[in-house]
N, C-alpha and C. Protein backbone atom coordinates (compact mmCIF):
# COMPACT_ATOMS: atom_id res chain seq x y z
N UNK A 1 -4.82 135.02 125.82
CA UNK A 1 -5.01 135.56 127.15
C UNK A 1 -6.03 134.74 127.99
N UNK A 2 -6.31 135.21 129.16
CA UNK A 2 -7.14 134.30 130.00
C UNK A 2 -8.56 134.30 129.45
N UNK A 3 -9.26 133.22 129.70
CA UNK A 3 -10.62 133.00 129.29
C UNK A 3 -11.52 133.93 130.04
N UNK A 4 -12.45 134.50 129.33
CA UNK A 4 -13.45 135.41 130.05
C UNK A 4 -14.83 134.73 130.15
N UNK A 5 -15.24 134.67 131.49
CA UNK A 5 -16.43 134.02 131.78
C UNK A 5 -17.50 135.28 132.09
N UNK A 6 -18.78 135.02 131.72
CA UNK A 6 -19.72 135.99 131.88
C UNK A 6 -20.96 135.48 132.60
N UNK A 7 -21.35 136.32 133.67
CA UNK A 7 -22.69 136.13 134.22
C UNK A 7 -23.46 137.46 133.92
N UNK A 8 -24.59 137.46 133.40
CA UNK A 8 -25.35 138.64 133.16
C UNK A 8 -26.74 138.50 133.54
N UNK A 9 -27.23 139.36 134.35
CA UNK A 9 -28.60 139.30 134.89
C UNK A 9 -28.91 140.03 136.17
N UNK A 10 -30.06 140.09 136.53
CA UNK A 10 -30.36 140.73 137.75
C UNK A 10 -29.79 139.95 138.94
N UNK A 11 -29.17 140.66 139.85
CA UNK A 11 -28.66 139.96 141.09
C UNK A 11 -29.79 139.64 141.97
N UNK A 12 -29.96 138.37 142.15
CA UNK A 12 -31.04 137.94 143.23
C UNK A 12 -30.73 136.48 143.67
N UNK A 13 -31.32 136.07 144.76
CA UNK A 13 -31.00 134.72 145.20
C UNK A 13 -31.21 133.62 144.27
N UNK A 14 -32.37 133.81 143.43
CA UNK A 14 -32.74 132.64 142.46
C UNK A 14 -31.59 132.47 141.42
N UNK A 15 -30.75 133.49 141.29
CA UNK A 15 -29.62 133.33 140.27
C UNK A 15 -28.47 132.47 140.74
N UNK A 16 -28.44 132.19 142.09
CA UNK A 16 -27.54 131.31 142.76
C UNK A 16 -25.98 131.69 142.39
N UNK A 17 -25.66 132.99 142.57
CA UNK A 17 -24.26 133.38 142.36
C UNK A 17 -23.33 132.72 143.38
N UNK A 18 -23.83 132.38 144.45
CA UNK A 18 -22.95 131.78 145.47
C UNK A 18 -22.32 130.51 144.86
N UNK A 19 -23.04 129.67 144.15
CA UNK A 19 -22.51 128.48 143.55
C UNK A 19 -21.39 128.80 142.53
N UNK A 20 -21.68 129.81 141.77
CA UNK A 20 -20.69 130.29 140.71
C UNK A 20 -19.37 130.77 141.44
N UNK A 21 -19.55 131.50 142.49
CA UNK A 21 -18.26 131.92 143.20
C UNK A 21 -17.53 130.75 143.77
N UNK A 22 -18.22 129.78 144.32
CA UNK A 22 -17.57 128.58 144.89
C UNK A 22 -16.87 127.77 143.72
N UNK A 23 -17.56 127.71 142.54
CA UNK A 23 -16.91 127.17 141.42
C UNK A 23 -15.75 127.89 140.92
N UNK A 24 -15.71 129.21 140.95
CA UNK A 24 -14.60 129.99 140.49
C UNK A 24 -13.38 129.75 141.49
N UNK A 25 -13.74 129.64 142.80
CA UNK A 25 -12.65 129.30 143.76
C UNK A 25 -12.12 127.98 143.50
N UNK A 26 -12.85 126.94 143.12
CA UNK A 26 -12.32 125.66 142.79
C UNK A 26 -11.42 125.69 141.61
N UNK A 27 -11.79 126.48 140.57
CA UNK A 27 -11.06 126.68 139.32
C UNK A 27 -9.68 127.29 139.61
N UNK A 28 -9.78 128.36 140.46
CA UNK A 28 -8.50 128.93 140.76
C UNK A 28 -7.62 128.17 141.60
N UNK A 29 -8.16 127.34 142.47
CA UNK A 29 -7.30 126.50 143.25
C UNK A 29 -6.59 125.43 142.38
N UNK A 30 -7.10 125.21 141.22
CA UNK A 30 -6.51 124.27 140.31
C UNK A 30 -5.55 125.08 139.35
N UNK A 31 -5.33 126.29 139.75
CA UNK A 31 -4.26 127.08 138.92
C UNK A 31 -4.84 127.60 137.55
N UNK A 32 -6.09 127.64 137.28
CA UNK A 32 -6.57 127.97 136.04
C UNK A 32 -6.72 129.54 135.97
N UNK A 33 -6.22 130.01 134.78
CA UNK A 33 -6.35 131.43 134.57
C UNK A 33 -7.61 131.84 133.91
N UNK A 34 -8.36 132.80 134.47
CA UNK A 34 -9.62 133.24 133.94
C UNK A 34 -10.02 134.48 134.60
N UNK A 35 -10.95 135.21 133.84
CA UNK A 35 -11.64 136.39 134.45
C UNK A 35 -13.04 136.08 134.44
N UNK A 36 -13.80 136.41 135.55
CA UNK A 36 -15.28 136.28 135.64
C UNK A 36 -15.83 137.68 135.76
N UNK A 37 -16.72 138.02 134.79
CA UNK A 37 -17.45 139.35 134.99
C UNK A 37 -18.86 139.14 135.35
N UNK A 38 -19.36 139.63 136.44
CA UNK A 38 -20.72 139.60 136.94
C UNK A 38 -21.32 140.88 136.65
N UNK A 39 -22.20 140.88 135.54
CA UNK A 39 -22.77 142.08 135.08
C UNK A 39 -24.37 142.12 135.54
N UNK A 40 -24.68 143.05 136.46
CA UNK A 40 -26.10 143.19 136.79
C UNK A 40 -26.13 143.90 138.14
N UNK A 41 -27.34 144.30 138.44
CA UNK A 41 -27.60 144.95 139.63
C UNK A 41 -28.83 144.35 140.40
N UNK A 42 -28.84 144.45 141.83
CA UNK A 42 -29.91 143.95 142.49
C UNK A 42 -31.08 145.00 142.65
N UNK A 43 -32.29 144.49 142.90
CA UNK A 43 -33.29 145.45 143.34
C UNK A 43 -33.09 145.80 144.71
N UNK A 44 -33.78 146.76 145.31
CA UNK A 44 -33.49 147.20 146.64
C UNK A 44 -33.61 146.07 147.63
N UNK A 45 -34.68 145.30 147.46
CA UNK A 45 -34.83 144.17 148.38
C UNK A 45 -33.66 143.15 148.42
N UNK A 46 -32.90 143.07 147.26
CA UNK A 46 -31.83 142.05 147.23
C UNK A 46 -30.40 142.77 147.41
N UNK A 47 -30.42 144.02 147.94
CA UNK A 47 -29.17 144.69 148.10
C UNK A 47 -28.23 144.02 149.17
N UNK A 48 -28.86 143.51 150.28
CA UNK A 48 -28.03 142.83 151.26
C UNK A 48 -27.50 141.54 150.72
N UNK A 49 -28.22 140.82 149.87
CA UNK A 49 -27.77 139.56 149.19
C UNK A 49 -26.59 139.94 148.33
N UNK A 50 -26.61 141.07 147.59
CA UNK A 50 -25.49 141.37 146.72
C UNK A 50 -24.32 141.67 147.59
N UNK A 51 -24.45 142.34 148.68
CA UNK A 51 -23.33 142.58 149.56
C UNK A 51 -22.70 141.34 150.11
N UNK A 52 -23.51 140.35 150.41
CA UNK A 52 -23.08 139.03 150.89
C UNK A 52 -22.26 138.32 149.81
N UNK A 53 -22.77 138.36 148.61
CA UNK A 53 -22.01 137.79 147.43
C UNK A 53 -20.62 138.46 147.32
N UNK A 54 -20.54 139.77 147.42
CA UNK A 54 -19.32 140.49 147.27
C UNK A 54 -18.29 140.09 148.38
N UNK A 55 -18.89 139.94 149.64
CA UNK A 55 -17.99 139.47 150.73
C UNK A 55 -17.44 138.14 150.52
N UNK A 56 -18.30 137.27 149.93
CA UNK A 56 -17.79 135.86 149.62
C UNK A 56 -16.60 135.94 148.74
N UNK A 57 -16.64 136.87 147.74
CA UNK A 57 -15.58 136.94 146.82
C UNK A 57 -14.27 137.40 147.57
N UNK A 58 -14.47 138.37 148.50
CA UNK A 58 -13.30 138.75 149.27
C UNK A 58 -12.81 137.73 150.18
N UNK A 59 -13.63 136.95 150.80
CA UNK A 59 -13.23 135.90 151.71
C UNK A 59 -12.35 134.86 150.89
N UNK A 60 -12.78 134.57 149.67
CA UNK A 60 -12.12 133.57 148.84
C UNK A 60 -10.75 134.22 148.18
N UNK A 61 -10.61 135.52 148.36
CA UNK A 61 -9.51 136.19 147.80
C UNK A 61 -9.55 136.16 146.26
N UNK A 62 -10.81 136.35 145.82
CA UNK A 62 -11.01 136.30 144.26
C UNK A 62 -11.18 137.68 143.62
N UNK A 63 -10.91 138.77 144.42
CA UNK A 63 -11.20 140.11 144.00
C UNK A 63 -10.53 140.48 142.66
N UNK A 64 -9.44 139.93 142.43
CA UNK A 64 -8.78 140.15 141.13
C UNK A 64 -9.19 139.29 140.00
N UNK A 65 -9.84 138.25 140.25
CA UNK A 65 -10.36 137.37 139.32
C UNK A 65 -11.83 137.65 138.91
N UNK A 66 -12.58 138.12 139.87
CA UNK A 66 -14.07 138.35 139.64
C UNK A 66 -14.29 139.92 139.70
N UNK A 67 -14.86 140.42 138.57
CA UNK A 67 -15.26 141.84 138.44
C UNK A 67 -16.77 141.99 138.64
N UNK A 68 -17.28 142.94 139.32
CA UNK A 68 -18.69 143.29 139.46
C UNK A 68 -18.91 144.51 138.63
N UNK A 69 -19.97 144.46 137.73
CA UNK A 69 -20.25 145.59 136.93
C UNK A 69 -21.83 145.86 136.97
N UNK A 70 -22.12 147.07 137.02
CA UNK A 70 -23.57 147.42 137.06
C UNK A 70 -24.35 146.93 135.82
N UNK A 71 -25.66 146.79 135.97
CA UNK A 71 -26.39 146.32 134.84
C UNK A 71 -26.29 147.39 133.67
N UNK A 72 -26.40 146.86 132.48
CA UNK A 72 -26.28 147.69 131.29
C UNK A 72 -27.66 147.75 130.50
N UNK A 73 -27.95 148.72 129.74
CA UNK A 73 -29.21 148.70 128.93
C UNK A 73 -29.13 147.59 127.90
N UNK A 74 -30.25 147.05 127.51
CA UNK A 74 -30.28 145.94 126.62
C UNK A 74 -29.56 146.16 125.20
N UNK A 75 -29.54 147.33 124.81
CA UNK A 75 -28.82 147.63 123.47
C UNK A 75 -27.42 147.44 123.56
N UNK A 76 -26.90 147.36 124.84
CA UNK A 76 -25.43 147.22 124.97
C UNK A 76 -25.01 145.76 125.29
N UNK A 77 -26.01 144.95 125.56
CA UNK A 77 -25.61 143.54 125.99
C UNK A 77 -24.92 142.75 124.84
N UNK A 78 -25.33 142.89 123.50
CA UNK A 78 -24.60 142.10 122.48
C UNK A 78 -23.04 142.25 122.58
N UNK A 79 -22.65 143.55 122.73
CA UNK A 79 -21.23 143.87 122.69
C UNK A 79 -20.57 143.17 123.91
N UNK A 80 -21.25 143.02 124.97
CA UNK A 80 -20.75 142.32 126.21
C UNK A 80 -20.62 140.91 125.97
N UNK A 81 -21.74 140.25 125.39
CA UNK A 81 -21.64 138.84 125.04
C UNK A 81 -20.45 138.52 124.13
N UNK A 82 -20.28 139.52 123.02
CA UNK A 82 -19.23 139.26 122.10
C UNK A 82 -17.81 139.30 122.68
N UNK A 83 -17.69 139.93 123.85
CA UNK A 83 -16.37 140.19 124.47
C UNK A 83 -16.04 138.97 125.41
N UNK A 84 -16.85 137.98 125.48
CA UNK A 84 -16.61 136.86 126.46
C UNK A 84 -16.44 135.54 125.71
N UNK A 85 -15.95 134.51 126.50
CA UNK A 85 -15.74 133.17 125.84
C UNK A 85 -16.69 132.24 126.24
N UNK A 86 -17.35 132.50 127.42
CA UNK A 86 -18.32 131.42 128.00
C UNK A 86 -19.31 132.16 128.86
N UNK A 87 -20.57 131.68 128.75
CA UNK A 87 -21.61 132.36 129.60
C UNK A 87 -22.10 131.25 130.64
N UNK A 88 -22.33 131.79 131.87
CA UNK A 88 -22.79 130.80 132.95
C UNK A 88 -24.04 131.32 133.49
N UNK A 89 -25.10 130.41 133.58
CA UNK A 89 -26.41 130.76 134.12
C UNK A 89 -26.74 129.73 135.09
N UNK A 90 -27.17 130.11 136.30
CA UNK A 90 -27.47 129.19 137.37
C UNK A 90 -28.96 129.21 137.80
N UNK A 91 -29.83 129.98 137.04
CA UNK A 91 -31.26 130.05 137.39
C UNK A 91 -31.82 128.71 137.48
N UNK A 92 -32.68 128.52 138.52
CA UNK A 92 -33.27 127.20 138.78
C UNK A 92 -34.16 126.82 137.77
N UNK A 93 -34.37 125.48 137.53
CA UNK A 93 -35.30 124.94 136.68
C UNK A 93 -36.77 125.35 137.03
N UNK A 94 -37.56 125.78 136.09
CA UNK A 94 -38.86 126.19 136.30
C UNK A 94 -38.93 127.76 136.24
N UNK A 95 -37.77 128.30 136.06
CA UNK A 95 -37.80 129.74 135.91
C UNK A 95 -37.16 130.09 134.54
N UNK A 96 -37.84 131.10 133.80
CA UNK A 96 -37.41 131.38 132.51
C UNK A 96 -36.36 132.58 132.53
N UNK A 97 -35.15 132.40 131.87
CA UNK A 97 -34.19 133.37 131.95
C UNK A 97 -33.80 133.72 130.49
N UNK A 98 -34.17 134.84 129.90
CA UNK A 98 -33.98 135.05 128.49
C UNK A 98 -32.53 135.32 128.18
N UNK A 99 -31.70 135.67 129.18
CA UNK A 99 -30.30 135.90 128.88
C UNK A 99 -29.59 134.71 128.31
N UNK A 100 -30.04 133.46 128.61
CA UNK A 100 -29.45 132.21 128.11
C UNK A 100 -29.66 132.21 126.57
N UNK A 101 -30.82 132.54 126.12
CA UNK A 101 -31.15 132.55 124.68
C UNK A 101 -30.35 133.73 124.01
N UNK A 102 -30.16 134.79 124.66
CA UNK A 102 -29.50 135.89 124.06
C UNK A 102 -27.95 135.57 123.88
N UNK A 103 -27.49 134.97 124.86
CA UNK A 103 -26.06 134.52 124.83
C UNK A 103 -25.87 133.48 123.71
N UNK A 104 -26.79 132.50 123.51
CA UNK A 104 -26.75 131.57 122.43
C UNK A 104 -26.95 132.26 121.09
N UNK A 105 -27.73 133.30 121.05
CA UNK A 105 -27.87 134.05 119.76
C UNK A 105 -26.60 134.77 119.42
N UNK A 106 -25.84 135.07 120.37
CA UNK A 106 -24.59 135.83 120.19
C UNK A 106 -23.41 134.79 120.04
N UNK A 107 -23.77 133.52 119.77
CA UNK A 107 -22.76 132.40 119.52
C UNK A 107 -21.81 132.21 120.72
N UNK A 108 -22.38 132.42 121.87
CA UNK A 108 -21.54 132.16 123.07
C UNK A 108 -21.83 130.74 123.63
N UNK A 109 -20.89 129.95 123.85
CA UNK A 109 -21.14 128.73 124.55
C UNK A 109 -21.71 129.02 126.04
N UNK A 110 -22.75 128.22 126.42
CA UNK A 110 -23.40 128.42 127.69
C UNK A 110 -23.26 127.23 128.58
N UNK A 111 -23.16 127.47 129.84
CA UNK A 111 -23.27 126.41 130.85
C UNK A 111 -24.46 126.71 131.84
N UNK A 112 -25.41 125.83 131.79
CA UNK A 112 -26.72 126.11 132.56
C UNK A 112 -27.08 124.98 133.31
N UNK A 113 -27.94 125.24 134.40
CA UNK A 113 -28.39 124.12 135.19
C UNK A 113 -29.89 123.80 134.98
N UNK A 114 -30.54 124.80 134.28
CA UNK A 114 -32.00 124.68 134.04
C UNK A 114 -32.29 123.50 133.09
N UNK A 115 -33.10 122.54 133.70
CA UNK A 115 -33.27 121.24 132.94
C UNK A 115 -34.19 121.49 131.79
N UNK A 116 -34.77 122.64 131.58
CA UNK A 116 -35.61 122.84 130.41
C UNK A 116 -34.74 122.77 129.18
N UNK A 117 -33.44 123.03 129.31
CA UNK A 117 -32.57 122.99 128.22
C UNK A 117 -32.18 121.57 127.65
N UNK A 118 -32.52 120.57 128.45
CA UNK A 118 -32.34 119.20 128.06
C UNK A 118 -33.03 118.97 126.77
N UNK A 119 -34.13 119.51 126.52
CA UNK A 119 -34.89 119.40 125.26
C UNK A 119 -34.40 120.25 124.18
N UNK A 120 -33.53 121.29 124.49
CA UNK A 120 -33.10 122.26 123.52
C UNK A 120 -31.71 121.94 122.99
N UNK A 121 -30.86 121.46 123.89
CA UNK A 121 -29.43 121.13 123.52
C UNK A 121 -29.39 119.81 122.79
N UNK A 122 -28.62 119.70 121.73
CA UNK A 122 -28.38 118.29 121.07
C UNK A 122 -27.85 117.37 122.11
N UNK A 123 -28.16 116.11 122.02
CA UNK A 123 -27.84 115.12 123.02
C UNK A 123 -26.31 115.10 123.32
N UNK A 124 -25.43 115.17 122.36
CA UNK A 124 -23.99 115.13 122.55
C UNK A 124 -23.43 116.34 123.35
N UNK A 125 -24.13 117.44 123.25
CA UNK A 125 -23.72 118.63 123.99
C UNK A 125 -24.30 118.71 125.41
N UNK A 126 -25.34 117.98 125.64
CA UNK A 126 -26.00 118.17 126.99
C UNK A 126 -25.01 117.93 128.15
N UNK A 127 -24.28 116.76 128.19
CA UNK A 127 -23.35 116.67 129.30
C UNK A 127 -22.31 117.72 129.48
N UNK A 128 -22.04 118.41 128.32
CA UNK A 128 -20.97 119.45 128.43
C UNK A 128 -21.40 120.78 128.85
N UNK A 129 -22.70 121.05 128.54
CA UNK A 129 -23.28 122.40 128.82
C UNK A 129 -24.16 122.53 129.94
N UNK A 130 -24.44 121.34 130.57
CA UNK A 130 -25.39 121.39 131.75
C UNK A 130 -24.74 120.81 133.01
N UNK A 131 -24.97 121.52 134.16
CA UNK A 131 -24.41 120.99 135.38
C UNK A 131 -25.42 120.77 136.38
N UNK A 132 -25.20 120.07 137.42
CA UNK A 132 -26.17 119.76 138.48
C UNK A 132 -26.42 121.08 139.25
N UNK A 133 -27.63 121.48 139.36
CA UNK A 133 -28.10 122.69 140.12
C UNK A 133 -27.38 122.54 141.56
N UNK A 134 -26.87 123.75 141.98
CA UNK A 134 -26.25 123.87 143.29
C UNK A 134 -24.92 123.22 143.45
N UNK A 135 -24.43 122.49 142.36
CA UNK A 135 -23.17 121.82 142.57
C UNK A 135 -22.00 122.68 142.03
N UNK A 136 -21.22 123.26 142.92
CA UNK A 136 -20.09 124.01 142.52
C UNK A 136 -19.02 123.19 141.77
N UNK A 137 -18.90 121.93 142.33
CA UNK A 137 -17.98 120.93 141.79
C UNK A 137 -18.22 120.60 140.35
N UNK A 138 -19.57 120.36 140.11
CA UNK A 138 -19.88 119.93 138.68
C UNK A 138 -19.83 121.17 137.82
N UNK A 139 -20.21 122.26 138.29
CA UNK A 139 -20.14 123.54 137.45
C UNK A 139 -18.64 123.74 137.12
N UNK A 140 -17.73 123.70 138.16
CA UNK A 140 -16.21 123.89 137.86
C UNK A 140 -15.76 122.97 136.84
N UNK A 141 -16.22 121.70 136.93
CA UNK A 141 -15.76 120.69 135.92
C UNK A 141 -16.19 121.00 134.58
N UNK A 142 -17.44 121.44 134.45
CA UNK A 142 -17.94 121.83 132.98
C UNK A 142 -17.21 123.04 132.49
N UNK A 143 -16.95 124.06 133.30
CA UNK A 143 -16.35 125.23 132.92
C UNK A 143 -14.80 124.88 132.51
N UNK A 144 -14.15 124.08 133.33
CA UNK A 144 -12.79 123.75 133.02
C UNK A 144 -12.67 123.07 131.70
N UNK A 145 -13.58 122.09 131.42
CA UNK A 145 -13.57 121.42 130.20
C UNK A 145 -13.65 122.33 129.02
N UNK A 146 -14.55 123.27 129.10
CA UNK A 146 -14.75 124.22 128.04
C UNK A 146 -13.61 125.24 127.97
N UNK A 147 -12.96 125.50 128.98
CA UNK A 147 -11.78 126.44 128.98
C UNK A 147 -10.61 125.75 128.28
N UNK A 148 -10.51 124.51 128.44
CA UNK A 148 -9.41 123.70 127.91
C UNK A 148 -9.70 123.32 126.34
N UNK A 149 -10.93 123.46 126.00
CA UNK A 149 -11.19 123.12 124.56
C UNK A 149 -10.56 124.28 123.72
N UNK A 150 -10.34 123.93 122.48
CA UNK A 150 -9.64 124.95 121.59
C UNK A 150 -10.65 126.08 121.27
N UNK A 151 -10.14 127.26 120.97
CA UNK A 151 -11.08 128.41 120.55
C UNK A 151 -11.94 127.99 119.43
N UNK A 152 -11.42 127.16 118.52
CA UNK A 152 -12.18 126.70 117.40
C UNK A 152 -13.39 125.79 117.72
N UNK A 153 -13.07 124.99 118.81
CA UNK A 153 -14.16 124.10 119.28
C UNK A 153 -15.26 124.91 120.00
N UNK A 154 -14.83 125.86 120.78
CA UNK A 154 -15.75 126.79 121.48
C UNK A 154 -16.55 127.55 120.43
N UNK A 155 -15.95 128.00 119.35
CA UNK A 155 -16.69 128.76 118.31
C UNK A 155 -17.74 127.89 117.59
N UNK A 156 -17.27 126.57 117.42
CA UNK A 156 -18.26 125.65 116.75
C UNK A 156 -19.47 125.36 117.66
N UNK A 157 -19.27 125.27 118.93
CA UNK A 157 -20.30 125.11 119.88
C UNK A 157 -21.23 126.31 119.86
N UNK A 158 -20.62 127.53 119.90
CA UNK A 158 -21.36 128.72 119.84
C UNK A 158 -22.24 128.91 118.61
N UNK A 159 -21.54 128.52 117.40
CA UNK A 159 -22.39 128.57 116.11
C UNK A 159 -23.57 127.63 116.14
N UNK A 160 -23.33 126.53 116.75
CA UNK A 160 -24.45 125.46 116.83
C UNK A 160 -25.54 125.98 117.67
N UNK A 161 -25.26 126.63 118.85
CA UNK A 161 -26.16 127.17 119.66
C UNK A 161 -27.00 128.31 119.08
N UNK A 162 -26.31 129.11 118.29
CA UNK A 162 -27.05 130.09 117.59
C UNK A 162 -28.03 129.58 116.61
N UNK A 163 -27.59 128.54 115.93
CA UNK A 163 -28.49 127.87 115.05
C UNK A 163 -29.79 127.37 115.56
N UNK A 164 -29.58 126.89 116.84
CA UNK A 164 -30.82 126.34 117.57
C UNK A 164 -31.70 127.49 117.81
N UNK A 165 -31.26 128.60 118.30
CA UNK A 165 -32.11 129.75 118.54
C UNK A 165 -32.78 130.32 117.33
N UNK A 166 -31.92 130.31 116.21
CA UNK A 166 -32.46 130.95 115.00
C UNK A 166 -33.42 130.03 114.29
N UNK A 167 -33.08 128.70 114.30
CA UNK A 167 -33.84 127.81 113.35
C UNK A 167 -34.88 126.91 114.03
N UNK A 168 -34.55 126.49 115.20
CA UNK A 168 -35.40 125.37 115.88
C UNK A 168 -36.70 126.09 116.43
N UNK A 169 -37.76 125.50 115.87
CA UNK A 169 -39.05 126.22 116.22
C UNK A 169 -39.37 126.11 117.68
N UNK A 170 -38.96 125.07 118.28
CA UNK A 170 -39.33 124.92 119.68
C UNK A 170 -38.87 126.17 120.57
N UNK A 171 -37.57 126.60 120.19
CA UNK A 171 -37.09 127.73 121.02
C UNK A 171 -37.66 128.94 120.61
N UNK A 172 -37.94 129.18 119.20
CA UNK A 172 -38.55 130.38 118.76
C UNK A 172 -39.99 130.44 119.38
N UNK A 173 -40.64 129.29 119.33
CA UNK A 173 -42.03 129.31 119.90
C UNK A 173 -41.97 129.58 121.41
N UNK A 174 -40.96 129.05 121.99
CA UNK A 174 -40.87 129.32 123.45
C UNK A 174 -40.77 130.84 123.73
N UNK A 175 -39.93 131.51 122.94
CA UNK A 175 -39.65 132.90 123.12
C UNK A 175 -40.93 133.69 122.78
N UNK A 176 -41.52 133.31 121.72
CA UNK A 176 -42.80 133.97 121.28
C UNK A 176 -43.87 133.84 122.41
N UNK A 177 -43.95 132.57 122.87
CA UNK A 177 -44.94 132.31 123.96
C UNK A 177 -44.64 133.11 125.21
N UNK A 178 -43.41 133.14 125.58
CA UNK A 178 -43.02 133.94 126.78
C UNK A 178 -43.31 135.37 126.56
N UNK A 179 -42.99 135.90 125.37
CA UNK A 179 -43.21 137.29 125.16
C UNK A 179 -44.76 137.62 125.16
N UNK A 180 -45.57 136.64 124.67
CA UNK A 180 -47.03 136.90 124.64
C UNK A 180 -47.56 136.95 126.04
N UNK A 181 -47.07 135.99 126.88
CA UNK A 181 -47.52 135.94 128.24
C UNK A 181 -47.01 137.30 128.97
N UNK A 182 -45.78 137.71 128.68
CA UNK A 182 -45.29 138.89 129.27
C UNK A 182 -46.07 140.07 128.90
N UNK A 183 -46.39 140.19 127.61
CA UNK A 183 -47.12 141.32 127.06
C UNK A 183 -48.48 141.39 127.67
N UNK A 184 -49.18 140.23 127.80
CA UNK A 184 -50.49 140.26 128.50
C UNK A 184 -50.43 140.62 129.88
N UNK A 185 -49.38 140.31 130.54
CA UNK A 185 -49.22 140.74 131.97
C UNK A 185 -49.09 142.13 132.09
N UNK A 186 -48.18 142.70 131.23
CA UNK A 186 -47.97 144.18 131.16
C UNK A 186 -49.21 144.91 130.81
N UNK A 187 -49.95 144.36 129.89
CA UNK A 187 -51.20 145.08 129.38
C UNK A 187 -52.21 145.18 130.52
N UNK A 188 -52.27 144.18 131.30
CA UNK A 188 -53.27 144.09 132.37
C UNK A 188 -52.78 144.72 133.58
N UNK A 189 -51.57 145.38 133.64
CA UNK A 189 -51.07 146.06 134.83
C UNK A 189 -51.85 147.36 135.18
């Protein structure tokens, strides 16, 4: 069947969904079969932004290709990751997005623009899993390459990414460090 792409996270301008939708439009214009599920909800202040994103999908005639789904509780996200072939995250460099690590832990190949991952991905995978921030053309190219890879190759990439999250101390320390910062912020609230 068609490849299933996933975006999961809060809907806000920093997530740069516009670039993802432009990339989807490029992929479709090349005749590629895929489904893109956008899972997440905006806060009240980003409601108008969310409506703009949905309008863009309609303008590009992508309503049958792109599904919008409301955010789900954390306990349900592993099942969603497991149901997809590829995870896309466009959060800008300098901003931490834990959904990337969650997708990796669920053995999902990821395509990201956040340059912090240059030090996390093995050198040979970097050019395949990273795209230039704000470049729909570069993102489309990276997605297309992974779509055309065999299911076995995608599974091997997913297994490798899970290994990085589970074994590599730099990532574990990163998560632990982020969590301790987060907890101290919550505690002082």
